[in-house]
């Protein structure tokens, strides 16, 4: 069993609330637009960290983190990218991969809109944690926390960090 902390779109903003809310997590996943190597290094120093680069991330982050990150945790196949769309409106760049070999969880960021939806067509749970940073049009900063355990996904929590 692993408890996962999921966030996106920090845009170089660090908040000690990340530590508070992810303290009991086993891993932290970041769905892109990290914004700075300093923020990434703070996460890396805190917990095991998986990430993808986003459209605002520079070459320093792009050399460390991939555009797409596919991995398995506790028997759960995960595909994470920054710009991925959502069920019924997947980004063309990732659509063929999703339909040819659907993961159990598909994670994207970019929209700054928290959204968790199950795509019945490909039997995939889509997760977008919204935006954890202070830059963008979103009004409330958000994170997700959940458990992956022997092929199951459970105990999903939405965490609001407050106003942008």
Protein backbone atom coordinates (compact mmCIF):
# COMPACT_ATOMS: atom_id res chain seq x y z
CA UNK A 1 0.00 0.00 0.00
CA UNK A 2 1.24 3.47 -0.90
CA UNK A 3 -0.26 6.83 -0.10
CA UNK A 4 0.21 9.28 -2.96
CA UNK A 5 0.25 13.07 -2.94
CA UNK A 6 -0.60 14.55 -6.35
CA UNK A 7 -0.25 18.15 -7.47
CA UNK A 8 0.35 20.25 -10.55
CA UNK A 9 1.02 23.77 -11.72
CA UNK A 10 3.10 25.08 -8.82
CA UNK A 11 4.68 27.62 -11.21
CA UNK A 12 7.76 28.08 -8.98
CA UNK A 13 5.63 28.67 -5.88
CA UNK A 14 6.57 26.79 -2.71
CA UNK A 15 4.09 26.47 0.14
CA UNK A 16 4.93 24.71 3.41
CA UNK A 17 1.36 23.35 3.29
CA UNK A 18 2.69 20.86 0.72
CA UNK A 19 4.78 19.33 3.51
CA UNK A 20 1.87 19.39 5.96
CA UNK A 21 -0.56 17.65 3.61
CA UNK A 22 1.94 15.22 2.09
CA UNK A 23 3.80 14.31 5.28
CA UNK A 24 2.11 10.90 5.52
CA UNK A 25 2.45 10.18 1.80
CA UNK A 26 4.91 7.62 0.49
CA UNK A 27 5.39 9.37 -2.87
CA UNK A 28 4.66 12.76 -4.42
CA UNK A 29 3.65 13.04 -8.08
CA UNK A 30 3.76 16.35 -9.96
CA UNK A 31 1.87 16.73 -13.25
CA UNK A 32 4.00 19.52 -14.68
CA UNK A 33 4.60 23.25 -14.67
CA UNK A 34 6.87 22.83 -11.69
CA UNK A 35 8.38 26.19 -12.57
CA UNK A 36 11.81 25.95 -11.00
CA UNK A 37 14.49 23.42 -10.15
CA UNK A 38 14.42 24.77 -6.58
CA UNK A 39 10.80 23.63 -6.11
CA UNK A 40 11.57 20.22 -7.65
CA UNK A 41 14.61 19.79 -5.40
CA UNK A 42 12.54 20.61 -2.31
CA UNK A 43 10.09 17.84 -3.22
CA UNK A 44 12.96 15.46 -4.04
CA UNK A 45 14.51 16.09 -0.62
CA UNK A 46 11.19 15.47 1.13
CA UNK A 47 9.81 12.27 -0.44
CA UNK A 48 10.25 10.01 -3.47
CA UNK A 49 9.18 12.27 -6.33
CA UNK A 50 7.86 11.52 -9.82
CA UNK A 51 7.15 14.34 -12.25
CA UNK A 52 6.72 15.43 -15.83
CA UNK A 53 7.70 18.75 -17.32
CA UNK A 54 5.06 21.25 -18.36
CA UNK A 55 4.83 23.92 -21.01
CA UNK A 56 6.34 26.64 -18.77
CA UNK A 57 9.24 24.48 -17.56
CA UNK A 58 12.71 25.35 -18.86
CA UNK A 59 15.46 23.12 -20.17
CA UNK A 60 16.83 22.46 -16.69
CA UNK A 61 13.59 20.67 -15.71
CA UNK A 62 13.12 19.09 -19.14
CA UNK A 63 16.52 17.42 -18.84
CA UNK A 64 15.49 15.79 -15.55
CA UNK A 65 11.80 14.99 -16.04
CA UNK A 66 10.14 13.46 -19.11
CA UNK A 67 7.18 14.78 -21.09
CA UNK A 68 5.31 11.53 -20.37
CA UNK A 69 5.96 9.31 -17.39
CA UNK A 70 4.56 5.78 -17.36
CA UNK A 71 5.15 3.61 -14.32
CA UNK A 72 3.54 0.97 -12.12
CA UNK A 73 2.95 1.36 -8.39
CA UNK A 74 1.29 -1.35 -6.29
CA UNK A 75 0.02 -3.07 -9.44
CA UNK A 76 -1.52 0.15 -10.82
CA UNK A 77 -0.40 1.27 -14.28
CA UNK A 78 -0.06 5.08 -14.32
CA UNK A 79 0.47 7.46 -17.23
CA UNK A 80 1.22 11.09 -16.39
CA UNK A 81 1.67 14.05 -18.74
CA UNK A 82 1.12 17.77 -18.40
CA UNK A 83 -1.20 18.55 -21.31
CA UNK A 84 -3.49 15.55 -21.65
CA UNK A 85 -7.07 16.75 -21.86
CA UNK A 86 -9.81 14.68 -20.26
CA UNK A 87 -12.33 11.96 -21.22
CA UNK A 88 -13.99 12.83 -24.51
CA UNK A 89 -11.41 15.56 -25.17
CA UNK A 90 -7.97 13.99 -24.91
CA UNK A 91 -5.02 15.89 -26.31
CA UNK A 92 -4.26 14.47 -29.81
CA UNK A 93 -0.59 13.93 -28.84
CA UNK A 94 -1.56 11.38 -26.15
CA UNK A 95 -4.89 10.01 -27.46
CA UNK A 96 -3.46 7.11 -29.48
CA UNK A 97 -1.39 5.91 -26.52
CA UNK A 98 -4.42 6.05 -24.23
CA UNK A 99 -6.60 4.05 -26.61
CA UNK A 100 -3.93 1.54 -27.67
CA UNK A 101 -2.78 0.72 -24.15
CA UNK A 102 -4.96 2.40 -21.50
CA UNK A 103 -3.42 2.88 -18.06
CA UNK A 104 -5.46 2.36 -14.91
CA UNK A 105 -4.80 6.02 -13.96
CA UNK A 106 -4.23 8.85 -16.43
CA UNK A 107 -2.94 12.06 -14.82
CA UNK A 108 -2.65 15.46 -16.41
CA UNK A 109 -2.39 19.06 -15.26
CA UNK A 110 -2.30 22.29 -17.28
CA UNK A 111 -5.98 23.31 -17.05
CA UNK A 112 -5.78 24.52 -13.43
CA UNK A 113 -9.18 22.81 -13.02
CA UNK A 114 -9.44 19.99 -10.50
CA UNK A 115 -11.21 17.10 -12.19
CA UNK A 116 -11.46 13.39 -11.42
CA UNK A 117 -13.47 11.34 -13.91
CA UNK A 118 -13.74 7.69 -14.83
CA UNK A 119 -13.58 7.05 -18.58
CA UNK A 120 -15.79 4.02 -19.14
CA UNK A 121 -14.73 3.78 -22.78
CA UNK A 122 -11.13 2.87 -21.90
CA UNK A 123 -11.65 1.87 -18.24
CA UNK A 124 -9.26 4.57 -17.00
CA UNK A 125 -9.46 6.91 -14.02
CA UNK A 126 -8.52 10.43 -15.16
CA UNK A 127 -7.11 12.73 -12.48
CA UNK A 128 -6.21 16.41 -12.72
CA UNK A 129 -5.26 17.86 -9.32
CA UNK A 130 -5.94 21.47 -10.37
CA UNK A 131 -3.29 24.06 -9.55
CA UNK A 132 -1.26 24.25 -6.33
CA UNK A 133 0.51 27.50 -7.18
CA UNK A 134 -0.56 31.13 -7.05
CA UNK A 135 -0.32 31.95 -10.77
CA UNK A 136 -3.22 31.41 -13.16
CA UNK A 137 -6.96 31.96 -13.35
CA UNK A 138 -7.98 29.39 -10.72
CA UNK A 139 -9.50 30.79 -7.53
CA UNK A 140 -8.65 27.99 -5.06
CA UNK A 141 -5.35 26.08 -4.90
CA UNK A 142 -5.82 22.31 -4.74
CA UNK A 143 -4.02 19.00 -4.18
CA UNK A 144 -5.12 15.35 -4.27
CA UNK A 145 -4.22 12.52 -1.94
CA UNK A 146 -5.13 8.86 -2.49
CA UNK A 147 -4.03 5.30 -1.85
CA UNK A 148 -2.91 2.66 -4.34
CA UNK A 149 -3.00 -0.83 -2.90
CA UNK A 150 -2.54 -4.10 -4.73
CA UNK A 151 -4.19 -2.87 -7.93
CA UNK A 152 -6.86 -0.77 -6.20
CA UNK A 153 -7.22 3.01 -6.02
CA UNK A 154 -9.05 4.27 -2.94
CA UNK A 155 -9.43 6.93 -0.26
CA UNK A 156 -9.28 9.90 -2.63
CA UNK A 157 -9.11 13.24 -0.82
CA UNK A 158 -9.38 16.72 -2.29
CA UNK A 159 -7.35 19.26 -0.34
CA UNK A 160 -7.97 22.98 -0.69
CA UNK A 161 -4.98 25.16 0.18
CA UNK A 162 -6.94 28.39 0.14
CA UNK A 163 -7.36 31.27 -2.24
CA UNK A 164 -4.80 31.99 -4.90
